[in-house]
Structures are given as structure tokens and as C-alpha cells.
All heavy atoms as atom14 arrays in JSON, in Angstrom:
{
  "sequence": "SVCKGLALKESSLGKALKAGIWFGSFQALMPLAGFLLGSRFQK",
  "atom14_mask": [
    [1, 1, 1, 1, 1, 1, 0, 0, 0, 0, 0, 0, 0, 0],
    [1, 1, 1, 1, 1, 1, 1, 0, 0, 0, 0, 0, 0, 0],
    [1, 1, 1, 1, 1, 1, 0, 0, 0, 0, 0, 0, 0, 0],
    [1, 1, 1, 1, 1, 1, 1, 1, 1, 0, 0, 0, 0, 0],
    [1, 1, 1, 1, 0, 0, 0, 0, 0, 0, 0, 0, 0, 0],
    [1, 1, 1, 1, 1, 1, 1, 1, 0, 0, 0, 0, 0, 0],
    [1, 1, 1, 1, 1, 0, 0, 0, 0, 0, 0, 0, 0, 0],
    [1, 1, 1, 1, 1, 1, 1, 1, 0, 0, 0, 0, 0, 0],
    [1, 1, 1, 1, 1, 1, 1, 1, 1, 0, 0, 0, 0, 0],
    [1, 1, 1, 1, 1, 1, 1, 1, 1, 0, 0, 0, 0, 0],
    [1, 1, 1, 1, 1, 1, 0, 0, 0, 0, 0, 0, 0, 0],
    [1, 1, 1, 1, 1, 1, 0, 0, 0, 0, 0, 0, 0, 0],
    [1, 1, 1, 1, 1, 1, 1, 1, 0, 0, 0, 0, 0, 0],
    [1, 1, 1, 1, 0, 0, 0, 0, 0, 0, 0, 0, 0, 0],
    [1, 1, 1, 1, 1, 1, 1, 1, 1, 0, 0, 0, 0, 0],
    [1, 1, 1, 1, 1, 0, 0, 0, 0, 0, 0, 0, 0, 0],
    [1, 1, 1, 1, 1, 1, 1, 1, 0, 0, 0, 0, 0, 0],
    [1, 1, 1, 1, 1, 1, 1, 1, 1, 0, 0, 0, 0, 0],
    [1, 1, 1, 1, 1, 0, 0, 0, 0, 0, 0, 0, 0, 0],
    [1, 1, 1, 1, 0, 0, 0, 0, 0, 0, 0, 0, 0, 0],
    [1, 1, 1, 1, 1, 1, 1, 1, 0, 0, 0, 0, 0, 0],
    [1, 1, 1, 1, 1, 1, 1, 1, 1, 1, 1, 1, 1, 1],
    [1, 1, 1, 1, 1, 1, 1, 1, 1, 1, 1, 0, 0, 0],
    [1, 1, 1, 1, 0, 0, 0, 0, 0, 0, 0, 0, 0, 0],
    [1, 1, 1, 1, 1, 1, 0, 0, 0, 0, 0, 0, 0, 0],
    [1, 1, 1, 1, 1, 1, 1, 1, 1, 1, 1, 0, 0, 0],
    [1, 1, 1, 1, 1, 1, 1, 1, 1, 0, 0, 0, 0, 0],
    [1, 1, 1, 1, 1, 0, 0, 0, 0, 0, 0, 0, 0, 0],
    [1, 1, 1, 1, 1, 1, 1, 1, 0, 0, 0, 0, 0, 0],
    [1, 1, 1, 1, 1, 1, 1, 1, 0, 0, 0, 0, 0, 0],
    [1, 1, 1, 1, 1, 1, 1, 0, 0, 0, 0, 0, 0, 0],
    [1, 1, 1, 1, 1, 1, 1, 1, 0, 0, 0, 0, 0, 0],
    [1, 1, 1, 1, 1, 0, 0, 0, 0, 0, 0, 0, 0, 0],
    [1, 1, 1, 1, 0, 0, 0, 0, 0, 0, 0, 0, 0, 0],
    [1, 1, 1, 1, 1, 1, 1, 1, 1, 1, 1, 0, 0, 0],
    [1, 1, 1, 1, 1, 1, 1, 1, 0, 0, 0, 0, 0, 0],
    [1, 1, 1, 1, 1, 1, 1, 1, 0, 0, 0, 0, 0, 0],
    [1, 1, 1, 1, 0, 0, 0, 0, 0, 0, 0, 0, 0, 0],
    [1, 1, 1, 1, 1, 1, 0, 0, 0, 0, 0, 0, 0, 0],
    [1, 1, 1, 1, 1, 1, 1, 1, 1, 1, 1, 0, 0, 0],
    [1, 1, 1, 1, 1, 1, 1, 1, 1, 1, 1, 0, 0, 0],
    [1, 1, 1, 1, 1, 1, 1, 1, 1, 0, 0, 0, 0, 0],
    [1, 1, 1, 1, 1, 1, 1, 1, 1, 0, 0, 0, 0, 0]
  ],
  "atom14_positions": [
    [[61.93, 2.74, 99.01], [62.09, 2.74, 97.57], [62.86, 1.53, 97.07], [62.56, 0.95, 96.01], [62.8, 4.01, 97.11], [61.99, 5.14, 97.34], [0.0, 0.0, 0.0], [0.0, 0.0, 0.0], [0.0, 0.0, 0.0], [0.0, 0.0, 0.0], [0.0, 0.0, 0.0], [0.0, 0.0, 0.0], [0.0, 0.0, 0.0], [0.0, 0.0, 0.0]],
    [[63.89, 1.16, 97.84], [64.62, -0.07, 97.5], [63.67, -1.28, 97.52], [63.68, -2.09, 96.58], [65.82, -0.3, 98.46], [66.42, -1.67, 98.28], [66.9, 0.78, 98.23], [0.0, 0.0, 0.0], [0.0, 0.0, 0.0], [0.0, 0.0, 0.0], [0.0, 0.0, 0.0], [0.0, 0.0, 0.0], [0.0, 0.0, 0.0], [0.0, 0.0, 0.0]],
    [[62.87, -1.39, 98.53], [61.92, -2.5, 98.65], [60.89, -2.4, 97.51], [60.49, -3.44, 96.94], [61.2, -2.47, 99.98], [62.3, -2.84, 101.36], [0.0, 0.0, 0.0], [0.0, 0.0, 0.0], [0.0, 0.0, 0.0], [0.0, 0.0, 0.0], [0.0, 0.0, 0.0], [0.0, 0.0, 0.0], [0.0, 0.0, 0.0], [0.0, 0.0, 0.0]],
    [[60.42, -1.2, 97.21], [59.45, -1.02, 96.12], [60.1, -1.41, 94.81], [59.48, -2.08, 93.99], [59.0, 0.42, 96.1], [57.92, 0.74, 95.06], [56.74, -0.12, 95.21], [55.56, 0.67, 95.66], [54.35, -0.19, 95.54], [0.0, 0.0, 0.0], [0.0, 0.0, 0.0], [0.0, 0.0, 0.0], [0.0, 0.0, 0.0], [0.0, 0.0, 0.0]],
    [[61.36, -1.05, 94.6], [62.06, -1.45, 93.37], [62.18, -2.94, 93.25], [62.09, -3.49, 92.17], [0.0, 0.0, 0.0], [0.0, 0.0, 0.0], [0.0, 0.0, 0.0], [0.0, 0.0, 0.0], [0.0, 0.0, 0.0], [0.0, 0.0, 0.0], [0.0, 0.0, 0.0], [0.0, 0.0, 0.0], [0.0, 0.0, 0.0], [0.0, 0.0, 0.0]],
    [[62.37, -3.6, 94.4], [62.46, -5.04, 94.43], [61.12, -5.7, 93.99], [61.09, -6.69, 93.29], [62.85, -5.55, 95.81], [63.0, -7.01, 96.06], [64.13, -7.57, 95.22], [63.24, -7.29, 97.52], [0.0, 0.0, 0.0], [0.0, 0.0, 0.0], [0.0, 0.0, 0.0], [0.0, 0.0, 0.0], [0.0, 0.0, 0.0], [0.0, 0.0, 0.0]],
    [[60.02, -5.08, 94.43], [58.69, -5.6, 94.14], [58.27, -5.36, 92.71], [57.44, -6.1, 92.18], [57.67, -4.99, 95.09], [0.0, 0.0, 0.0], [0.0, 0.0, 0.0], [0.0, 0.0, 0.0], [0.0, 0.0, 0.0], [0.0, 0.0, 0.0], [0.0, 0.0, 0.0], [0.0, 0.0, 0.0], [0.0, 0.0, 0.0], [0.0, 0.0, 0.0]],
    [[58.8, -4.33, 92.08], [58.39, -4.0, 90.71], [58.94, -5.03, 89.73], [60.05, -5.53, 89.87], [58.93, -2.64, 90.3], [58.32, -1.43, 91.04], [59.09, -0.16, 90.67], [56.85, -1.27, 90.71], [0.0, 0.0, 0.0], [0.0, 0.0, 0.0], [0.0, 0.0, 0.0], [0.0, 0.0, 0.0], [0.0, 0.0, 0.0], [0.0, 0.0, 0.0]],
    [[58.11, -5.39, 88.77], [58.55, -6.33, 87.72], [59.65, -5.69, 86.89], [60.64, -6.3, 86.54], [57.4, -6.74, 86.84], [56.24, -7.35, 87.62], [56.58, -8.71, 88.11], [55.38, -9.34, 88.79], [55.61, -9.87, 90.06], [0.0, 0.0, 0.0], [0.0, 0.0, 0.0], [0.0, 0.0, 0.0], [0.0, 0.0, 0.0], [0.0, 0.0, 0.0]],
    [[59.42, -4.45, 86.51], [60.39, -3.69, 85.74], [60.56, -2.31, 86.36], [59.59, -1.69, 86.78], [59.92, -3.5, 84.29], [59.96, -4.71, 83.46], [59.51, -4.4, 82.01], [59.42, -3.23, 81.65], [59.25, -5.36, 81.3], [0.0, 0.0, 0.0], [0.0, 0.0, 0.0], [0.0, 0.0, 0.0], [0.0, 0.0, 0.0], [0.0, 0.0, 0.0]],
    [[61.75, -1.84, 86.4], [62.02, -0.52, 86.95], [62.39, 0.42, 85.8], [63.36, 0.17, 85.09], [63.14, -0.55, 87.97], [63.53, 0.74, 88.29], [0.0, 0.0, 0.0], [0.0, 0.0, 0.0], [0.0, 0.0, 0.0], [0.0, 0.0, 0.0], [0.0, 0.0, 0.0], [0.0, 0.0, 0.0], [0.0, 0.0, 0.0], [0.0, 0.0, 0.0]],
    [[61.59, 1.43, 85.57], [61.85, 2.39, 84.51], [62.22, 3.74, 85.13], [61.99, 3.95, 86.33], [60.64, 2.55, 83.61], [59.58, 3.16, 84.36], [0.0, 0.0, 0.0], [0.0, 0.0, 0.0], [0.0, 0.0, 0.0], [0.0, 0.0, 0.0], [0.0, 0.0, 0.0], [0.0, 0.0, 0.0], [0.0, 0.0, 0.0], [0.0, 0.0, 0.0]],
    [[62.79, 4.6, 84.33], [63.12, 5.93, 84.8], [61.83, 6.65, 85.26], [61.83, 7.37, 86.27], [63.82, 6.74, 83.7], [64.21, 8.17, 84.04], [65.17, 8.19, 85.24], [64.82, 8.87, 82.86], [0.0, 0.0, 0.0], [0.0, 0.0, 0.0], [0.0, 0.0, 0.0], [0.0, 0.0, 0.0], [0.0, 0.0, 0.0], [0.0, 0.0, 0.0]],
    [[60.73, 6.44, 84.54], [59.44, 7.06, 84.93], [58.97, 6.62, 86.3], [58.53, 7.45, 87.1], [0.0, 0.0, 0.0], [0.0, 0.0, 0.0], [0.0, 0.0, 0.0], [0.0, 0.0, 0.0], [0.0, 0.0, 0.0], [0.0, 0.0, 0.0], [0.0, 0.0, 0.0], [0.0, 0.0, 0.0], [0.0, 0.0, 0.0], [0.0, 0.0, 0.0]],
    [[59.09, 5.35, 86.59], [58.66, 4.84, 87.92], [59.6, 5.36, 89.0], [59.15, 5.7, 90.12], [58.64, 3.32, 87.92], [57.5, 2.73, 87.1], [57.51, 1.22, 87.13], [56.35, 0.69, 86.3], [56.34, -0.77, 86.25], [0.0, 0.0, 0.0], [0.0, 0.0, 0.0], [0.0, 0.0, 0.0], [0.0, 0.0, 0.0], [0.0, 0.0, 0.0]],
    [[60.87, 5.42, 88.68], [61.84, 5.96, 89.68], [61.56, 7.42, 89.98], [61.55, 7.82, 91.14], [63.27, 5.77, 89.15], [0.0, 0.0, 0.0], [0.0, 0.0, 0.0], [0.0, 0.0, 0.0], [0.0, 0.0, 0.0], [0.0, 0.0, 0.0], [0.0, 0.0, 0.0], [0.0, 0.0, 0.0], [0.0, 0.0, 0.0], [0.0, 0.0, 0.0]],
    [[61.28, 8.21, 88.93], [60.96, 9.62, 89.14], [59.62, 9.8, 89.86], [59.49, 10.69, 90.71], [60.94, 10.36, 87.82], [62.3, 10.63, 87.21], [62.17, 11.27, 85.83], [63.14, 11.49, 88.13], [0.0, 0.0, 0.0], [0.0, 0.0, 0.0], [0.0, 0.0, 0.0], [0.0, 0.0, 0.0], [0.0, 0.0, 0.0], [0.0, 0.0, 0.0]],
    [[58.66, 8.95, 89.55], [57.37, 9.02, 90.22], [57.52, 8.8, 91.72], [57.0, 9.57, 92.55], [56.41, 7.97, 89.66], [55.0, 8.04, 90.23], [54.09, 7.01, 89.53], [52.67, 7.12, 90.06], [51.77, 6.17, 89.35], [0.0, 0.0, 0.0], [0.0, 0.0, 0.0], [0.0, 0.0, 0.0], [0.0, 0.0, 0.0], [0.0, 0.0, 0.0]],
    [[58.26, 7.76, 92.1], [58.53, 7.52, 93.51], [59.31, 8.69, 94.13], [58.99, 9.14, 95.24], [59.29, 6.21, 93.7], [0.0, 0.0, 0.0], [0.0, 0.0, 0.0], [0.0, 0.0, 0.0], [0.0, 0.0, 0.0], [0.0, 0.0, 0.0], [0.0, 0.0, 0.0], [0.0, 0.0, 0.0], [0.0, 0.0, 0.0], [0.0, 0.0, 0.0]],
    [[60.28, 9.19, 93.42], [61.08, 10.32, 93.92], [60.26, 11.55, 94.17], [60.4, 12.23, 95.17], [0.0, 0.0, 0.0], [0.0, 0.0, 0.0], [0.0, 0.0, 0.0], [0.0, 0.0, 0.0], [0.0, 0.0, 0.0], [0.0, 0.0, 0.0], [0.0, 0.0, 0.0], [0.0, 0.0, 0.0], [0.0, 0.0, 0.0], [0.0, 0.0, 0.0]],
    [[59.35, 11.82, 93.27], [58.46, 12.99, 93.43], [57.53, 12.8, 94.62], [57.33, 13.73, 95.43], [57.68, 13.29, 92.11], [58.68, 13.8, 91.06], [56.56, 14.27, 92.35], [58.12, 13.85, 89.66], [0.0, 0.0, 0.0], [0.0, 0.0, 0.0], [0.0, 0.0, 0.0], [0.0, 0.0, 0.0], [0.0, 0.0, 0.0], [0.0, 0.0, 0.0]],
    [[56.95, 11.64, 94.76], [56.08, 11.36, 95.91], [56.83, 11.56, 97.23], [56.43, 12.34, 98.1], [55.53, 9.92, 95.88], [54.22, 9.79, 95.17], [54.04, 9.28, 93.91], [52.94, 10.19, 95.61], [52.72, 9.3, 93.58], [52.03, 9.86, 94.61], [52.48, 10.79, 96.77], [50.65, 10.11, 94.74], [51.12, 11.05, 96.92], [50.24, 10.71, 95.9]],
    [[57.94, 10.86, 97.37], [58.68, 10.89, 98.63], [59.32, 12.28, 98.84], [59.3, 12.8, 99.95], [59.74, 9.8, 98.68], [59.15, 8.43, 98.78], [59.45, 7.44, 97.84], [58.28, 8.07, 99.82], [58.92, 6.16, 97.91], [57.75, 6.8, 99.91], [58.04, 5.87, 98.95], [0.0, 0.0, 0.0], [0.0, 0.0, 0.0], [0.0, 0.0, 0.0]],
    [[59.9, 12.85, 97.83], [60.55, 14.16, 97.94], [59.55, 15.24, 98.33], [59.84, 16.13, 99.16], [0.0, 0.0, 0.0], [0.0, 0.0, 0.0], [0.0, 0.0, 0.0], [0.0, 0.0, 0.0], [0.0, 0.0, 0.0], [0.0, 0.0, 0.0], [0.0, 0.0, 0.0], [0.0, 0.0, 0.0], [0.0, 0.0, 0.0], [0.0, 0.0, 0.0]],
    [[58.36, 15.21, 97.73], [57.34, 16.22, 98.05], [56.92, 16.13, 99.51], [56.82, 17.15, 100.2], [56.12, 16.04, 97.13], [56.45, 16.24, 95.82], [0.0, 0.0, 0.0], [0.0, 0.0, 0.0], [0.0, 0.0, 0.0], [0.0, 0.0, 0.0], [0.0, 0.0, 0.0], [0.0, 0.0, 0.0], [0.0, 0.0, 0.0], [0.0, 0.0, 0.0]],
    [[56.63, 14.92, 99.97], [56.19, 14.78, 101.35], [57.33, 15.13, 102.33], [57.09, 15.75, 103.37], [55.69, 13.36, 101.61], [54.21, 13.22, 101.34], [53.73, 13.2, 100.02], [53.3, 13.14, 102.37], [52.39, 13.08, 99.75], [51.94, 13.01, 102.09], [51.49, 13.0, 100.77], [0.0, 0.0, 0.0], [0.0, 0.0, 0.0], [0.0, 0.0, 0.0]],
    [[58.56, 14.73, 102.0], [59.68, 15.05, 102.88], [59.92, 16.54, 102.93], [60.5, 17.05, 103.88], [60.94, 14.33, 102.43], [60.94, 12.85, 102.72], [61.17, 12.5, 104.18], [61.19, 13.32, 105.06], [61.32, 11.22, 104.43], [0.0, 0.0, 0.0], [0.0, 0.0, 0.0], [0.0, 0.0, 0.0], [0.0, 0.0, 0.0], [0.0, 0.0, 0.0]],
    [[59.52, 17.3, 101.93], [59.65, 18.76, 101.95], [58.49, 19.42, 102.65], [58.68, 20.38, 103.4], [59.78, 19.27, 100.5], [0.0, 0.0, 0.0], [0.0, 0.0, 0.0], [0.0, 0.0, 0.0], [0.0, 0.0, 0.0], [0.0, 0.0, 0.0], [0.0, 0.0, 0.0], [0.0, 0.0, 0.0], [0.0, 0.0, 0.0], [0.0, 0.0, 0.0]],
    [[57.28, 18.88, 102.46], [56.09, 19.52, 103.05], [56.02, 19.28, 104.57], [55.58, 20.17, 105.3], [54.83, 19.01, 102.37], [54.64, 19.47, 100.93], [53.42, 18.77, 100.31], [54.47, 20.98, 100.86], [0.0, 0.0, 0.0], [0.0, 0.0, 0.0], [0.0, 0.0, 0.0], [0.0, 0.0, 0.0], [0.0, 0.0, 0.0], [0.0, 0.0, 0.0]],
    [[56.41, 18.13, 105.03], [56.26, 17.83, 106.46], [57.14, 18.71, 107.33], [56.68, 19.19, 108.38], [56.51, 16.36, 106.74], [55.42, 15.46, 106.13], [53.81, 15.79, 106.85], [53.69, 14.42, 107.93], [0.0, 0.0, 0.0], [0.0, 0.0, 0.0], [0.0, 0.0, 0.0], [0.0, 0.0, 0.0], [0.0, 0.0, 0.0], [0.0, 0.0, 0.0]],
    [[58.42, 18.96, 107.0], [59.2, 19.89, 107.85], [58.63, 21.31, 107.84], [58.72, 22.02, 108.8], [60.6, 19.84, 107.31], [60.64, 18.89, 106.2], [59.25, 18.35, 105.99], [0.0, 0.0, 0.0], [0.0, 0.0, 0.0], [0.0, 0.0, 0.0], [0.0, 0.0, 0.0], [0.0, 0.0, 0.0], [0.0, 0.0, 0.0], [0.0, 0.0, 0.0]],
    [[58.05, 21.67, 106.69], [57.42, 23.0, 106.6], [56.28, 23.08, 107.6], [56.13, 24.05, 108.34], [56.95, 23.29, 105.16], [56.26, 24.62, 104.96], [57.18, 25.78, 105.32], [55.79, 24.74, 103.52], [0.0, 0.0, 0.0], [0.0, 0.0, 0.0], [0.0, 0.0, 0.0], [0.0, 0.0, 0.0], [0.0, 0.0, 0.0], [0.0, 0.0, 0.0]],
    [[55.42, 22.03, 107.62], [54.3, 21.98, 108.55], [54.83, 22.01, 110.0], [54.3, 22.7, 110.86], [53.43, 20.75, 108.3], [0.0, 0.0, 0.0], [0.0, 0.0, 0.0], [0.0, 0.0, 0.0], [0.0, 0.0, 0.0], [0.0, 0.0, 0.0], [0.0, 0.0, 0.0], [0.0, 0.0, 0.0], [0.0, 0.0, 0.0], [0.0, 0.0, 0.0]],
    [[55.87, 21.2, 110.27], [56.45, 21.18, 111.6], [57.06, 22.53, 111.99], [56.92, 22.98, 113.14], [0.0, 0.0, 0.0], [0.0, 0.0, 0.0], [0.0, 0.0, 0.0], [0.0, 0.0, 0.0], [0.0, 0.0, 0.0], [0.0, 0.0, 0.0], [0.0, 0.0, 0.0], [0.0, 0.0, 0.0], [0.0, 0.0, 0.0], [0.0, 0.0, 0.0]],
    [[57.67, 23.19, 111.05], [58.27, 24.49, 111.28], [57.17, 25.51, 111.66], [57.32, 26.28, 112.63], [59.03, 24.99, 110.06], [59.65, 26.32, 110.18], [60.91, 26.46, 110.77], [59.01, 27.48, 109.75], [61.51, 27.7, 110.9], [59.56, 28.72, 109.88], [60.83, 28.85, 110.45], [0.0, 0.0, 0.0], [0.0, 0.0, 0.0], [0.0, 0.0, 0.0]],
    [[56.08, 25.51, 110.9], [54.98, 26.43, 111.2], [54.39, 26.16, 112.58], [54.08, 27.11, 113.32], [53.92, 26.34, 110.11], [54.38, 26.79, 108.71], [53.32, 26.51, 107.67], [54.75, 28.26, 108.72], [0.0, 0.0, 0.0], [0.0, 0.0, 0.0], [0.0, 0.0, 0.0], [0.0, 0.0, 0.0], [0.0, 0.0, 0.0], [0.0, 0.0, 0.0]],
    [[54.26, 24.9, 112.92], [53.76, 24.52, 114.22], [54.73, 24.92, 115.33], [54.34, 25.53, 116.33], [53.5, 23.01, 114.26], [52.95, 22.41, 115.57], [51.56, 22.95, 115.83], [52.94, 20.91, 115.5], [0.0, 0.0, 0.0], [0.0, 0.0, 0.0], [0.0, 0.0, 0.0], [0.0, 0.0, 0.0], [0.0, 0.0, 0.0], [0.0, 0.0, 0.0]],
    [[56.0, 24.6, 115.14], [57.0, 24.92, 116.15], [57.2, 26.41, 116.31], [57.52, 26.9, 117.42], [0.0, 0.0, 0.0], [0.0, 0.0, 0.0], [0.0, 0.0, 0.0], [0.0, 0.0, 0.0], [0.0, 0.0, 0.0], [0.0, 0.0, 0.0], [0.0, 0.0, 0.0], [0.0, 0.0, 0.0], [0.0, 0.0, 0.0], [0.0, 0.0, 0.0]],
    [[57.02, 27.21, 115.26], [57.19, 28.66, 115.33], [56.19, 29.31, 116.28], [56.46, 30.31, 116.9], [57.05, 29.27, 113.98], [58.11, 28.86, 113.12], [0.0, 0.0, 0.0], [0.0, 0.0, 0.0], [0.0, 0.0, 0.0], [0.0, 0.0, 0.0], [0.0, 0.0, 0.0], [0.0, 0.0, 0.0], [0.0, 0.0, 0.0], [0.0, 0.0, 0.0]],
    [[55.03, 28.67, 116.4], [54.0, 29.21, 117.29], [54.41, 29.14, 118.76], [53.96, 29.89, 119.59], [52.68, 28.46, 117.08], [52.11, 28.64, 115.68], [50.79, 27.93, 115.53], [49.8, 28.33, 116.49], [48.89, 29.28, 116.28], [48.86, 29.92, 115.17], [47.99, 29.57, 117.23], [0.0, 0.0, 0.0], [0.0, 0.0, 0.0], [0.0, 0.0, 0.0]],
    [[55.27, 28.13, 119.08], [55.65, 27.91, 120.47], [57.1, 28.28, 120.77], [57.53, 28.17, 121.91], [55.42, 26.42, 120.83], [54.02, 25.99, 120.59], [53.71, 25.17, 119.53], [53.01, 26.39, 121.46], [52.41, 24.77, 119.31], [51.7, 25.99, 121.22], [51.4, 25.17, 120.16], [0.0, 0.0, 0.0], [0.0, 0.0, 0.0], [0.0, 0.0, 0.0]],
    [[57.81, 28.71, 119.76], [59.25, 28.93, 119.9], [59.63, 29.93, 120.98], [60.53, 29.67, 121.78], [59.82, 29.35, 118.54], [61.31, 29.42, 118.53], [61.8, 30.75, 118.08], [61.08, 31.57, 117.56], [63.06, 30.99, 118.34], [0.0, 0.0, 0.0], [0.0, 0.0, 0.0], [0.0, 0.0, 0.0], [0.0, 0.0, 0.0], [0.0, 0.0, 0.0]],
    [[58.95, 31.03, 121.08], [59.3, 32.09, 122.08], [59.15, 31.58, 123.52], [59.91, 31.95, 124.39], [58.45, 33.31, 121.82], [58.87, 34.09, 120.59], [58.07, 35.37, 120.5], [58.4, 36.28, 119.38], [58.89, 35.83, 118.16], [0.0, 0.0, 0.0], [0.0, 0.0, 0.0], [0.0, 0.0, 0.0], [0.0, 0.0, 0.0], [0.0, 0.0, 0.0]]
  ]
}
């Protein structure tokens, strides 16, 4: 995000939130997927 902010001509609150939503969503979904996968083998 820091690098992306550097590349942007202008940084607005909308662009910052857009990046936050993209990264935050994926960072939340991936551990959920890993948890579901790991739960199958946990025992």
C-alpha cells in the first residue's frame, strides 16, 4: 500500500479505503480458508 500510494498521482480517502477493503478482505478470507483446511487434518 505504501508503494501503491507512492505510485498514485493523488491519494484520496476513497482510494485509501478501496485499497484497505481489498487487502483487508483477502487477509480475512485466507485464514478462514486455511482454518477450514487445517481443521480437516487437526485430529
